[in-house]
Amino acid sequence: MPMYEYQCKDCGLVFEARQKFSDAPLTECRECGGVVAKLISQTGFALKGGGWYDQGYGGKPVACPSADSGGGCAGCPKAANE
C-alpha cells in the first residue's frame, strides 16, 4: 500500500498515512481536527542503469544479416537470443 503525506492547514502538522489506491483522501487532522491537504512528495521508486534504449535501440539501425541472403529470422543471431 502506498504512503501519502498530508499537512494540516490549521496547525501545520505534517503526517503520513498508509492508504489503498481506492481509499478516499483524508480530510481531517488527527491532532486538531482541522482541514488537511494531500502533499506531493518524492517517490522511493527510481530507474537506474542504461535500460533498453542504451542497449542497442538508441543508435543506428543494424541491418539483418539474413536479409541479404533471402533467409528468414531463423538464421539471425539476434533471434537466437529471444
Protein backbone atom coordinates (compact mmCIF):
# COMPACT_ATOMS: atom_id res chain seq x y z
CA MET A 1 0.00 0.00 0.00
CA PRO A 2 1.30 3.47 -0.81
CA MET A 3 2.19 6.05 1.80
CA TYR A 4 0.70 9.54 1.45
CA GLU A 5 1.70 12.78 3.19
CA TYR A 6 -0.81 15.30 4.47
CA GLN A 7 -0.43 18.75 6.04
CA CYS A 8 -2.94 20.40 8.32
CA LYS A 9 -3.90 23.90 7.19
CA ASP A 10 -4.71 24.92 10.77
CA CYS A 11 -1.87 23.61 12.99
CA GLY A 12 0.73 22.88 10.25
CA LEU A 13 1.23 19.23 11.29
CA VAL A 14 2.70 17.07 8.52
CA PHE A 15 1.90 13.37 8.83
CA GLU A 16 1.88 10.20 6.75
CA ALA A 17 -0.97 7.78 6.16
CA ARG A 18 -0.80 4.35 4.53
CA GLN A 19 -3.84 4.02 2.26
CA LYS A 20 -5.13 1.87 -0.58
CA PHE A 21 -5.41 3.42 -4.03
CA SER A 22 -9.19 3.09 -3.71
CA ASP A 23 -9.37 4.90 -0.33
CA ALA A 24 -10.71 8.44 -0.26
CA PRO A 25 -8.17 11.13 0.70
CA LEU A 26 -8.13 12.19 4.36
CA THR A 27 -9.91 15.43 5.19
CA GLU A 28 -9.32 15.87 8.93
CA CYS A 29 -6.17 16.38 11.01
CA ARG A 30 -5.57 13.65 13.58
CA GLU A 31 -4.28 16.19 16.14
CA CYS A 32 -6.55 19.23 15.95
CA GLY A 33 -9.39 18.14 13.63
CA GLY A 34 -8.55 20.87 11.10
CA VAL A 35 -8.68 20.60 7.32
CA VAL A 36 -5.77 18.74 5.68
CA ALA A 37 -4.28 18.89 2.20
CA LYS A 38 -2.54 15.99 0.44
CA LEU A 39 1.09 16.79 -0.33
CA ILE A 40 3.07 15.77 -3.38
CA SER A 41 6.21 14.07 -2.16
CA GLN A 42 9.22 12.42 -3.70
CA THR A 43 8.76 8.77 -4.52
CA GLY A 44 11.08 5.97 -3.47
CA PHE A 45 10.93 4.46 -6.98
CA ALA A 46 13.88 5.15 -9.28
CA LEU A 47 15.04 3.60 -12.52
CA LYS A 48 18.78 3.03 -12.64
CA GLY A 49 21.12 1.83 -15.34
CA GLY A 50 21.15 2.21 -19.08
CA GLY A 51 17.92 0.41 -19.82
CA TRP A 52 16.71 -0.96 -23.13
CA TYR A 53 17.28 2.29 -25.02
CA ASP A 54 21.02 2.31 -24.31
CA GLN A 55 21.34 -1.38 -25.11
CA GLY A 56 21.02 -1.18 -28.86
CA TYR A 57 17.80 0.70 -29.52
CA GLY A 58 19.12 4.24 -29.39
CA GLY A 59 21.77 4.09 -32.08
CA LYS A 60 21.84 3.39 -35.79
CA PRO A 61 19.64 0.57 -37.08
CA VAL A 62 21.54 -2.66 -37.65
CA ALA A 63 20.88 -4.49 -40.90
CA CYS A 64 19.75 -8.09 -40.57
CA PRO A 65 22.48 -10.42 -41.89
CA SER A 66 19.87 -12.94 -43.07
CA ALA A 67 18.01 -10.38 -45.19
CA ASP A 68 20.81 -10.22 -47.79
CA SER A 69 20.72 -13.97 -48.41
CA GLY A 70 16.92 -14.10 -48.62
CA GLY A 71 16.68 -16.15 -45.41
CA GLY A 72 14.26 -15.58 -42.57
CA CYS A 73 14.85 -14.70 -38.96
CA ALA A 74 15.72 -18.30 -38.07
CA GLY A 75 19.32 -17.74 -39.15
CA CYS A 76 19.66 -14.42 -37.41
CA PRO A 77 21.96 -14.37 -34.36
CA LYS A 78 19.63 -11.87 -32.67
CA ALA A 79 16.71 -14.32 -32.98
CA ALA A 80 18.71 -16.94 -31.05
CA ASN A 81 18.76 -14.62 -28.01
CA GLU A 82 14.98 -14.43 -27.76
